[in-house]
Amino acid sequence: MTLETYRIPVGDWIDVAVDWMTDNLEWLFDGIADFLSALIDGLGAALDAPSALVMVAIAALIALLVRGWRFGVFTALSFALVATMGLWADAMSTLSLVLVASAIAVLVGVPLGIVSARSDRAASVLRPALDLMQTMPSLVYLIPAIVFFGIGKVPGVVATVVFAMPPAVRLTELGLRQVDPETVEAGEAFGASPFKILTRIQVPLALPTIMAGVNQVIMLALSMVVIAGMVGAGGLGAVVFRGVTRLNVGLGFEGGLSVVIMAVFLDRITAAFGQRASRRVSH
């Protein structure tokens, strides 16, 4: 008699739960799909409307203002390279997916981090869930997303949100817990309400750590959106996937290089905002 004899049908229970949600919550999934599709298509159309030259100039100007002339020149040259490789439309599609998924992950994750920082009970409930979300293989998230939302951009965004959210929760909680208790007590002594203490003392002091979490969310979202290209999300992920399936090294390298260029741009821009927040706090 071995342990394998006493099989616990966890997978069967999950299948039953998924079947129940598919049968009874179809209206909810359809509503989420319509909302996300509108966001993705609207942002994608806005990014793709100007010519590539105009968008390269805008990106270079942002880089110049945020990081200086060297990064501005690098951005202009690297984005121009993406356009001349014929991958500009795919890059803008990927950027729209990343921005939508990152925005949702931050809008959900930061409030959860605040709740977790203010309540040990909430933190004890959230931490195992966050551990599961961070350690689960990223491809696994695509399975229920496809079941609930079908093939396309929406399941890619949903899976990306779940995969990228934990850093926003964890680093928001960490930043708030690291705020000097004496500073909070000073605010309470002056009669500030808990809401004012949170918004005018704790969040501003924790902003550098929160911005680090936002940076990590964007990086994870970009990596997951590429994987989501395997299920019809399109963009640069689809380019890389075509290169893999066709054993086309050149095509895969072009798609991968475009992803790296976007990752460097987004990383440096968000890191710069985090550094500015740190300087404001130190002053």
C-alpha atoms as a PDB file:
ATOM      1  CA  MET A   1       0.000   0.000   0.000  1.00  0.00           C
ATOM      2  CA  THR A   2       1.536   3.310  -1.118  1.00  0.00           C
ATOM      3  CA  LEU A   3       0.559   6.938  -0.995  1.00  0.00           C
ATOM      4  CA  GLU A   4      -0.267   6.812  -4.700  1.00  0.00           C
ATOM      5  CA  THR A   5      -3.120   4.435  -3.837  1.00  0.00           C
ATOM      6  CA  TYR A   6      -4.913   7.225  -1.997  1.00  0.00           C
ATOM      7  CA  ARG A   7      -5.203   9.665  -4.870  1.00  0.00           C
ATOM      8  CA  ILE A   8      -6.772  13.019  -4.026  1.00  0.00           C
ATOM      9  CA  PRO A   9      -8.650  14.195  -7.147  1.00  0.00           C
ATOM     10  CA  VAL A  10      -7.681  17.878  -6.907  1.00  0.00           C
ATOM     11  CA  GLY A  11      -7.736  18.219 -10.687  1.00  0.00           C
ATOM     12  CA  ASP A  12     -11.268  16.779 -10.827  1.00  0.00           C
ATOM     13  CA  TRP A  13     -12.453  19.307  -8.250  1.00  0.00           C
ATOM     14  CA  ILE A  14     -10.928  22.137 -10.270  1.00  0.00           C
ATOM     15  CA  ASP A  15     -12.653  20.856 -13.420  1.00  0.00           C
ATOM     16  CA  VAL A  16     -16.022  20.805 -11.613  1.00  0.00           C
ATOM     17  CA  ALA A  17     -15.504  24.364 -10.365  1.00  0.00           C
ATOM     18  CA  VAL A  18     -14.518  25.578 -13.826  1.00  0.00           C
ATOM     19  CA  ASP A  19     -17.525  23.867 -15.424  1.00  0.00           C
ATOM     20  CA  TRP A  20     -19.836  25.488 -12.863  1.00  0.00           C
ATOM     21  CA  MET A  21     -18.390  28.945 -13.513  1.00  0.00           C
ATOM     22  CA  THR A  22     -18.589  28.453 -17.255  1.00  0.00           C
ATOM     23  CA  ASP A  23     -22.267  27.470 -17.017  1.00  0.00           C
ATOM     24  CA  ASN A  24     -23.406  30.041 -14.434  1.00  0.00           C
ATOM     25  CA  LEU A  25     -21.127  33.061 -14.857  1.00  0.00           C
ATOM     26  CA  GLU A  26     -21.074  33.382 -18.609  1.00  0.00           C
ATOM     27  CA  TRP A  27     -22.695  36.826 -18.370  1.00  0.00           C
ATOM     28  CA  LEU A  28     -19.856  38.051 -16.143  1.00  0.00           C
ATOM     29  CA  PHE A  29     -17.115  36.736 -18.423  1.00  0.00           C
ATOM     30  CA  ASP A  30     -18.846  38.252 -21.461  1.00  0.00           C
ATOM     31  CA  GLY A  31     -19.010  41.625 -19.718  1.00  0.00           C
ATOM     32  CA  ILE A  32     -15.336  41.477 -18.752  1.00  0.00           C
ATOM     33  CA  ALA A  33     -14.415  40.448 -22.289  1.00  0.00           C
ATOM     34  CA  ASP A  34     -16.375  43.339 -23.834  1.00  0.00           C
ATOM     35  CA  PHE A  35     -14.822  45.851 -21.421  1.00  0.00           C
ATOM     36  CA  LEU A  36     -11.264  44.647 -21.971  1.00  0.00           C
ATOM     37  CA  SER A  37     -11.726  44.423 -25.733  1.00  0.00           C
ATOM     38  CA  ALA A  38     -12.902  48.033 -25.822  1.00  0.00           C
ATOM     39  CA  LEU A  39      -9.880  49.154 -23.779  1.00  0.00           C
ATOM     40  CA  ILE A  40      -7.352  47.193 -25.821  1.00  0.00           C
ATOM     41  CA  ASP A  41      -8.806  48.126 -29.206  1.00  0.00           C
ATOM     42  CA  GLY A  42      -9.198  51.800 -28.251  1.00  0.00           C
ATOM     43  CA  LEU A  43      -5.653  52.130 -26.938  1.00  0.00           C
ATOM     44  CA  GLY A  44      -4.250  50.104 -29.820  1.00  0.00           C
ATOM     45  CA  ALA A  45      -6.007  52.351 -32.338  1.00  0.00           C
ATOM     46  CA  ALA A  46      -4.699  55.465 -30.565  1.00  0.00           C
ATOM     47  CA  LEU A  47      -1.116  54.176 -30.607  1.00  0.00           C
ATOM     48  CA  ASP A  48      -1.317  53.025 -34.214  1.00  0.00           C
ATOM     49  CA  ALA A  49      -3.057  56.141 -35.586  1.00  0.00           C
ATOM     50  CA  PRO A  50       0.050  58.378 -35.861  1.00  0.00           C
ATOM     51  CA  SER A  51       2.803  57.352 -38.234  1.00  0.00           C
ATOM     52  CA  ALA A  52       5.762  55.416 -36.896  1.00  0.00           C
ATOM     53  CA  LEU A  53       7.968  58.494 -37.341  1.00  0.00           C
ATOM     54  CA  VAL A  54       5.692  60.594 -35.131  1.00  0.00           C
ATOM     55  CA  MET A  55       5.550  57.928 -32.423  1.00  0.00           C
ATOM     56  CA  VAL A  56       9.328  57.497 -32.493  1.00  0.00           C
ATOM     57  CA  ALA A  57       9.680  61.254 -32.010  1.00  0.00           C
ATOM     58  CA  ILE A  58       7.199  61.234 -29.108  1.00  0.00           C
ATOM     59  CA  ALA A  59       8.971  58.318 -27.409  1.00  0.00           C
ATOM     60  CA  ALA A  60      12.358  60.009 -27.890  1.00  0.00           C
ATOM     61  CA  LEU A  61      11.004  63.260 -26.412  1.00  0.00           C
ATOM     62  CA  ILE A  62       9.662  61.421 -23.364  1.00  0.00           C
ATOM     63  CA  ALA A  63      13.024  59.710 -22.910  1.00  0.00           C
ATOM     64  CA  LEU A  64      14.844  63.031 -23.299  1.00  0.00           C
ATOM     65  CA  LEU A  65      12.708  64.768 -20.687  1.00  0.00           C
ATOM     66  CA  VAL A  66      12.804  61.893 -18.200  1.00  0.00           C
ATOM     67  CA  ARG A  67      16.311  60.438 -18.563  1.00  0.00           C
ATOM     68  CA  GLY A  68      18.393  62.898 -20.588  1.00  0.00           C
ATOM     69  CA  TRP A  69      19.732  63.235 -24.129  1.00  0.00           C
ATOM     70  CA  ARG A  70      21.673  59.957 -24.205  1.00  0.00           C
ATOM     71  CA  PHE A  71      18.596  57.869 -23.485  1.00  0.00           C
ATOM     72  CA  GLY A  72      16.619  60.059 -25.887  1.00  0.00           C
ATOM     73  CA  VAL A  73      19.036  59.234 -28.702  1.00  0.00           C
ATOM     74  CA  PHE A  74      19.018  55.543 -27.780  1.00  0.00           C
ATOM     75  CA  THR A  75      15.207  55.521 -27.804  1.00  0.00           C
ATOM     76  CA  ALA A  76      15.012  57.224 -31.186  1.00  0.00           C
ATOM     77  CA  LEU A  77      17.505  54.831 -32.792  1.00  0.00           C
ATOM     78  CA  SER A  78      16.118  51.665 -31.200  1.00  0.00           C
ATOM     79  CA  PHE A  79      12.475  52.474 -31.951  1.00  0.00           C
ATOM     80  CA  ALA A  80      13.427  53.408 -35.510  1.00  0.00           C
ATOM     81  CA  LEU A  81      15.075  49.983 -35.777  1.00  0.00           C
ATOM     82  CA  VAL A  82      11.811  48.309 -34.735  1.00  0.00           C
ATOM     83  CA  ALA A  83       9.956  50.265 -37.419  1.00  0.00           C
ATOM     84  CA  THR A  84      12.484  49.450 -40.147  1.00  0.00           C
ATOM     85  CA  MET A  85      12.248  45.743 -39.296  1.00  0.00           C
ATOM     86  CA  GLY A  86       8.550  45.965 -40.185  1.00  0.00           C
ATOM     87  CA  LEU A  87       7.379  45.209 -36.652  1.00  0.00           C
ATOM     88  CA  TRP A  88       5.985  48.592 -35.649  1.00  0.00           C
ATOM     89  CA  ALA A  89       2.307  47.571 -35.744  1.00  0.00           C
ATOM     90  CA  ASP A  90       3.097  44.445 -33.710  1.00  0.00           C
ATOM     91  CA  ALA A  91       5.067  46.531 -31.200  1.00  0.00           C
ATOM     92  CA  MET A  92       2.161  48.957 -30.734  1.00  0.00           C
ATOM     93  CA  SER A  93      -0.219  46.020 -30.291  1.00  0.00           C
ATOM     94  CA  THR A  94       2.055  44.576 -27.604  1.00  0.00           C
ATOM     95  CA  LEU A  95       2.398  47.992 -25.938  1.00  0.00           C
ATOM     96  CA  SER A  96      -1.387  48.359 -25.734  1.00  0.00           C
ATOM     97  CA  LEU A  97      -1.693  44.926 -24.114  1.00  0.00           C
ATOM     98  CA  VAL A  98       1.088  45.728 -21.630  1.00  0.00           C
ATOM     99  CA  LEU A  99      -0.366  49.106 -20.670  1.00  0.00           C
ATOM    100  CA  VAL A 100      -3.903  47.779 -20.179  1.00  0.00           C
ATOM    101  CA  ALA A 101      -2.770  44.752 -18.163  1.00  0.00           C
ATOM    102  CA  SER A 102      -0.330  46.811 -16.073  1.00  0.00           C
ATOM    103  CA  ALA A 103      -2.909  49.494 -15.326  1.00  0.00           C
ATOM    104  CA  ILE A 104      -5.453  46.924 -14.131  1.00  0.00           C
ATOM    105  CA  ALA A 105      -2.828  45.065 -12.080  1.00  0.00           C
ATOM    106  CA  VAL A 106      -1.735  48.302 -10.378  1.00  0.00           C
ATOM    107  CA  LEU A 107      -5.295  49.542  -9.800  1.00  0.00           C
ATOM    108  CA  VAL A 108      -6.165  46.254  -8.105  1.00  0.00           C
ATOM    109  CA  GLY A 109      -2.810  45.468  -6.504  1.00  0.00           C
ATOM    110  CA  VAL A 110      -2.067  48.786  -4.786  1.00  0.00           C
ATOM    111  CA  PRO A 111      -5.386  48.896  -2.842  1.00  0.00           C
ATOM    112  CA  LEU A 112      -4.866  45.259  -1.848  1.00  0.00           C
ATOM    113  CA  GLY A 113      -1.384  46.191  -0.630  1.00  0.00           C
ATOM    114  CA  ILE A 114      -2.839  49.029   1.423  1.00  0.00           C
ATOM    115  CA  VAL A 115      -5.395  46.697   2.985  1.00  0.00           C
ATOM    116  CA  SER A 116      -2.679  44.149   3.679  1.00  0.00           C
ATOM    117  CA  ALA A 117      -0.466  46.774   5.337  1.00  0.00           C
ATOM    118  CA  ARG A 118      -3.267  47.975   7.598  1.00  0.00           C
ATOM    119  CA  SER A 119      -4.571  44.544   8.589  1.00  0.00           C
ATOM    120  CA  ASP A 120      -2.441  41.590   9.674  1.00  0.00           C
ATOM    121  CA  ARG A 121      -5.419  39.310   9.152  1.00  0.00           C
ATOM    122  CA  ALA A 122      -5.807  40.429   5.543  1.00  0.00           C
ATOM    123  CA  ALA A 123      -2.057  40.011   5.042  1.00  0.00           C
ATOM    124  CA  SER A 124      -2.172  36.436   6.338  1.00  0.00           C
ATOM    125  CA  VAL A 125      -4.904  35.655   3.799  1.00  0.00           C
ATOM    126  CA  LEU A 126      -3.282  37.418   0.844  1.00  0.00           C
ATOM    127  CA  ARG A 127       0.265  36.106   1.244  1.00  0.00           C
ATOM    128  CA  PRO A 128      -0.476  32.444   0.403  1.00  0.00           C
ATOM    129  CA  ALA A 129      -2.507  33.580  -2.594  1.00  0.00           C
ATOM    130  CA  LEU A 130       0.355  35.800  -3.758  1.00  0.00           C
ATOM    131  CA  ASP A 131       2.821  32.955  -3.259  1.00  0.00           C
ATOM    132  CA  LEU A 132       0.657  30.756  -5.474  1.00  0.00           C
ATOM    133  CA  MET A 133       0.336  33.462  -8.124  1.00  0.00           C
ATOM    134  CA  GLN A 134       4.087  34.048  -8.249  1.00  0.00           C
ATOM    135  CA  THR A 135       5.226  30.418  -8.293  1.00  0.00           C
ATOM    136  CA  MET A 136       2.613  28.976 -10.650  1.00  0.00           C
ATOM    137  CA  PRO A 137       4.129  28.442 -14.142  1.00  0.00           C
ATOM    138  CA  SER A 138       3.005  31.283 -16.362  1.00  0.00           C
ATOM    139  CA  LEU A 139       1.631  28.994 -19.078  1.00  0.00           C
ATOM    140  CA  VAL A 140      -0.838  27.504 -16.594  1.00  0.00           C
ATOM    141  CA  TYR A 141      -2.673  30.848 -16.358  1.00  0.00           C
ATOM    142  CA  LEU A 142      -3.535  30.626 -20.028  1.00  0.00           C
ATOM    143  CA  ILE A 143      -5.612  27.460 -19.578  1.00  0.00           C
ATOM    144  CA  PRO A 144      -8.518  28.887 -17.506  1.00  0.00           C
ATOM    145  CA  ALA A 145      -8.252  32.194 -19.368  1.00  0.00           C
ATOM    146  CA  ILE A 146      -8.856  30.380 -22.668  1.00  0.00           C
ATOM    147  CA  VAL A 147     -11.702  28.357 -21.149  1.00  0.00           C
ATOM    148  CA  PHE A 148     -13.494  31.465 -19.889  1.00  0.00           C
ATOM    149  CA  PHE A 149     -12.672  33.963 -22.657  1.00  0.00           C
ATOM    150  CA  GLY A 150     -11.708  31.947 -25.727  1.00  0.00           C
ATOM    151  CA  ILE A 151      -8.795  32.736 -28.022  1.00  0.00           C
ATOM    152  CA  GLY A 152      -7.521  36.259 -28.536  1.00  0.00           C
ATOM    153  CA  LYS A 153      -6.264  39.323 -26.699  1.00  0.00           C
ATOM    154  CA  VAL A 154      -8.656  39.195 -23.740  1.00  0.00           C
ATOM    155  CA  PRO A 155      -7.430  35.887 -22.247  1.00  0.00           C
ATOM    156  CA  GLY A 156      -3.875  37.135 -22.733  1.00  0.00           C
ATOM    157  CA  VAL A 157      -4.611  40.286 -20.734  1.00  0.00           C
ATOM    158  CA  VAL A 158      -6.461  38.398 -17.995  1.00  0.00           C
ATOM    159  CA  ALA A 159      -3.621  35.915 -17.557  1.00  0.00           C
ATOM    160  CA  THR A 160      -1.122  38.782 -17.586  1.00  0.00           C
ATOM    161  CA  VAL A 161      -2.980  40.676 -14.860  1.00  0.00           C
ATOM    162  CA  VAL A 162      -2.975  37.645 -12.561  1.00  0.00           C
ATOM    163  CA  PHE A 163       0.688  36.921 -13.276  1.00  0.00           C
ATOM    164  CA  ALA A 164       1.914  40.516 -12.878  1.00  0.00           C
ATOM    165  CA  MET A 165      -0.140  41.670  -9.880  1.00  0.00           C
ATOM    166  CA  PRO A 166       1.823  40.236  -6.881  1.00  0.00           C
ATOM    167  CA  PRO A 167       4.697  42.786  -6.938  1.00  0.00           C
ATOM    168  CA  ALA A 168       2.202  45.651  -6.724  1.00  0.00           C
ATOM    169  CA  VAL A 169       0.603  44.114  -3.631  1.00  0.00           C
ATOM    170  CA  ARG A 170       3.819  43.071  -1.901  1.00  0.00           C
ATOM    171  CA  LEU A 171       5.814  46.248  -2.471  1.00  0.00           C
ATOM    172  CA  THR A 172       2.900  48.498  -1.546  1.00  0.00           C
ATOM    173  CA  GLU A 173       2.527  46.622   1.723  1.00  0.00           C
ATOM    174  CA  LEU A 174       6.284  46.726   2.299  1.00  0.00           C
ATOM    175  CA  GLY A 175       6.508  50.450   1.628  1.00  0.00           C
ATOM    176  CA  LEU A 176       3.652  51.302   3.992  1.00  0.00           C
ATOM    177  CA  ARG A 177       4.971  49.066   6.764  1.00  0.00           C
ATOM    178  CA  GLN A 178       8.384  50.742   6.503  1.00  0.00           C
ATOM    179  CA  VAL A 179       6.997  54.216   7.169  1.00  0.00           C
ATOM    180  CA  ASP A 180       8.344  55.542  10.470  1.00  0.00           C
ATOM    181  CA  PRO A 181       5.653  54.957  13.159  1.00  0.00           C
ATOM    182  CA  GLU A 182       6.635  58.221  14.847  1.00  0.00           C
ATOM    183  CA  THR A 183       5.678  60.126  11.707  1.00  0.00           C
ATOM    184  CA  VAL A 184       2.263  58.483  11.755  1.00  0.00           C
ATOM    185  CA  GLU A 185       1.885  59.223  15.471  1.00  0.00           C
ATOM    186  CA  ALA A 186       2.715  62.867  14.805  1.00  0.00           C
ATOM    187  CA  GLY A 187      -0.107  63.033  12.289  1.00  0.00           C
ATOM    188  CA  GLU A 188      -2.496  61.431  14.755  1.00  0.00           C
ATOM    189  CA  ALA A 189      -1.412  63.921  17.418  1.00  0.00           C
ATOM    190  CA  PHE A 190      -2.442  66.775  15.126  1.00  0.00           C
ATOM    191  CA  GLY A 191      -5.874  65.199  14.740  1.00  0.00           C
ATOM    192  CA  ALA A 192      -5.510  63.890  11.179  1.00  0.00           C
ATOM    193  CA  SER A 193      -8.037  61.293  10.145  1.00  0.00           C
ATOM    194  CA  PRO A 194      -6.840  57.796   9.140  1.00  0.00           C
ATOM    195  CA  PHE A 195      -7.598  58.630   5.507  1.00  0.00           C
ATOM    196  CA  LYS A 196      -5.480  61.803   5.598  1.00  0.00           C
ATOM    197  CA  ILE A 197      -2.656  59.960   7.348  1.00  0.00           C
ATOM    198  CA  LEU A 198      -2.741  57.345   4.601  1.00  0.00           C
ATOM    199  CA  THR A 199      -2.923  59.745   1.653  1.00  0.00           C
ATOM    200  CA  ARG A 200      -0.733  62.588   2.957  1.00  0.00           C
ATOM    201  CA  ILE A 201       1.857  60.779   5.070  1.00  0.00           C
ATOM    202  CA  GLN A 202       2.103  57.039   4.439  1.00  0.00           C
ATOM    203  CA  VAL A 203       1.591  56.831   0.671  1.00  0.00           C
ATOM    204  CA  PRO A 204       3.930  59.757  -0.170  1.00  0.00           C
ATOM    205  CA  LEU A 205       6.675  58.290   2.040  1.00  0.00           C
ATOM    206  CA  ALA A 206       6.120  54.805   0.587  1.00  0.00           C
ATOM    207  CA  LEU A 207       5.914  56.053  -3.013  1.00  0.00           C
ATOM    208  CA  PRO A 208       9.476  55.019  -4.031  1.00  0.00           C
ATOM    209  CA  THR A 209       8.775  51.425  -2.992  1.00  0.00           C
ATOM    210  CA  ILE A 210       5.347  51.509  -4.627  1.00  0.00           C
ATOM    211  CA  MET A 211       6.922  52.749  -7.870  1.00  0.00           C
ATOM    212  CA  ALA A 212       9.398  49.879  -7.710  1.00  0.00           C
ATOM    213  CA  GLY A 213       6.381  47.579  -7.589  1.00  0.00           C
ATOM    214  CA  VAL A 214       4.857  49.319 -10.615  1.00  0.00           C
ATOM    215  CA  ASN A 215       8.127  48.827 -12.476  1.00  0.00           C
ATOM    216  CA  GLN A 216       8.094  45.103 -11.702  1.00  0.00           C
ATOM    217  CA  VAL A 217       4.451  44.824 -12.770  1.00  0.00           C
ATOM    218  CA  ILE A 218       5.256  46.302 -16.174  1.00  0.00           C
ATOM    219  CA  MET A 219       8.249  44.008 -16.683  1.00  0.00           C
ATOM    220  CA  LEU A 220       6.256  40.902 -15.749  1.00  0.00           C
ATOM    221  CA  ALA A 221       3.360  42.036 -17.936  1.00  0.00           C
ATOM    222  CA  LEU A 222       5.672  42.428 -20.907  1.00  0.00           C
ATOM    223  CA  SER A 223       7.138  38.956 -20.424  1.00  0.00           C
ATOM    224  CA  MET A 224       3.672  37.399 -20.059  1.00  0.00           C
ATOM    225  CA  VAL A 225       2.158  39.204 -23.029  1.00  0.00           C
ATOM    226  CA  VAL A 226       4.819  37.618 -25.218  1.00  0.00           C
ATOM    227  CA  ILE A 227       3.797  34.182 -23.941  1.00  0.00           C
ATOM    228  CA  ALA A 228       0.155  35.124 -24.532  1.00  0.00           C
ATOM    229  CA  GLY A 229       0.996  35.502 -28.210  1.00  0.00           C
ATOM    230  CA  MET A 230       0.784  31.703 -28.327  1.00  0.00           C
ATOM    231  CA  VAL A 231      -2.999  31.878 -27.814  1.00  0.00           C
ATOM    232  CA  GLY A 232      -3.835  34.556 -30.329  1.00  0.00           C
ATOM    233  CA  ALA A 233      -3.032  37.737 -28.404  1.00  0.00           C
ATOM    234  CA  GLY A 234      -0.995  38.928 -31.385  1.00  0.00           C
ATOM    235  CA  GLY A 235       1.781  41.502 -31.210  1.00  0.00           C
ATOM    236  CA  LEU A 236       5.439  40.677 -30.800  1.00  0.00           C
ATOM    237  CA  GLY A 237       4.571  37.477 -28.954  1.00  0.00           C
ATOM    238  CA  ALA A 238       2.982  36.132 -32.111  1.00  0.00           C
ATOM    239  CA  VAL A 239       6.099  37.105 -34.078  1.00  0.00           C
ATOM    240  CA  VAL A 240       8.347  35.211 -31.672  1.00  0.00           C
ATOM    241  CA  PHE A 241       5.979  32.224 -31.682  1.00  0.00           C
ATOM    242  CA  ARG A 242       6.005  32.118 -35.500  1.00  0.00           C
ATOM    243  CA  GLY A 243       9.780  32.155 -35.417  1.00  0.00           C
ATOM    244  CA  VAL A 244       9.808  29.220 -33.004  1.00  0.00           C
ATOM    245  CA  THR A 245       7.257  27.101 -34.873  1.00  0.00           C
ATOM    246  CA  ARG A 246       8.941  27.710 -38.233  1.00  0.00           C
ATOM    247  CA  LEU A 247      12.478  27.387 -36.843  1.00  0.00           C
ATOM    248  CA  ASN A 248      13.088  30.828 -38.332  1.00  0.00           C
ATOM    249  CA  VAL A 249      15.963  32.152 -36.228  1.00  0.00           C
ATOM    250  CA  GLY A 250      15.989  35.550 -37.926  1.00  0.00           C
ATOM    251  CA  LEU A 251      12.287  36.221 -37.360  1.00  0.00           C
ATOM    252  CA  GLY A 252      12.478  35.066 -33.752  1.00  0.00           C
ATOM    253  CA  PHE A 253      15.515  37.268 -33.140  1.00  0.00           C
ATOM    254  CA  GLU A 254      13.789  40.327 -34.616  1.00  0.00           C
ATOM    255  CA  GLY A 255      10.727  39.778 -32.415  1.00  0.00           C
ATOM    256  CA  GLY A 256      12.860  39.153 -29.337  1.00  0.00           C
ATOM    257  CA  LEU A 257      15.024  42.214 -29.990  1.00  0.00           C
ATOM    258  CA  SER A 258      11.898  44.379 -30.313  1.00  0.00           C
ATOM    259  CA  VAL A 259      10.652  43.063 -26.978  1.00  0.00           C
ATOM    260  CA  VAL A 260      13.999  43.899 -25.364  1.00  0.00           C
ATOM    261  CA  ILE A 261      13.896  47.440 -26.753  1.00  0.00           C
ATOM    262  CA  MET A 262      10.397  48.001 -25.356  1.00  0.00           C
ATOM    263  CA  ALA A 263      11.397  46.482 -22.018  1.00  0.00           C
ATOM    264  CA  VAL A 264      14.437  48.772 -21.689  1.00  0.00           C
ATOM    265  CA  PHE A 265      12.358  51.841 -22.540  1.00  0.00           C
ATOM    266  CA  LEU A 266       9.557  51.047 -20.084  1.00  0.00           C
ATOM    267  CA  ASP A 267      11.994  49.991 -17.355  1.00  0.00           C
ATOM    268  CA  ARG A 268      14.077  53.169 -17.553  1.00  0.00           C
ATOM    269  CA  ILE A 269      11.052  55.456 -17.664  1.00  0.00           C
ATOM    270  CA  THR A 270       9.314  53.903 -14.645  1.00  0.00           C
ATOM    271  CA  ALA A 271      12.617  53.656 -12.741  1.00  0.00           C
ATOM    272  CA  ALA A 272      13.177  57.374 -13.331  1.00  0.00           C
ATOM    273  CA  PHE A 273       9.825  58.205 -11.764  1.00  0.00           C
ATOM    274  CA  GLY A 274      10.741  56.027  -8.786  1.00  0.00           C
ATOM    275  CA  GLN A 275      14.048  57.861  -8.385  1.00  0.00           C
ATOM    276  CA  ARG A 276      12.289  61.223  -8.483  1.00  0.00           C
ATOM    277  CA  ALA A 277       9.883  60.041  -5.806  1.00  0.00           C
ATOM    278  CA  SER A 278      12.844  58.950  -3.667  1.00  0.00           C
ATOM    279  CA  ARG A 279      14.477  62.375  -4.003  1.00  0.00           C
ATOM    280  CA  ARG A 280      11.258  64.129  -3.013  1.00  0.00           C
ATOM    281  CA  VAL A 281      10.925  61.920   0.058  1.00  0.00           C
ATOM    282  CA  SER A 282      14.576  62.464   1.087  1.00  0.00           C
ATOM    283  CA  HIS A 283      14.125  66.229   0.836  1.00  0.00           C
END
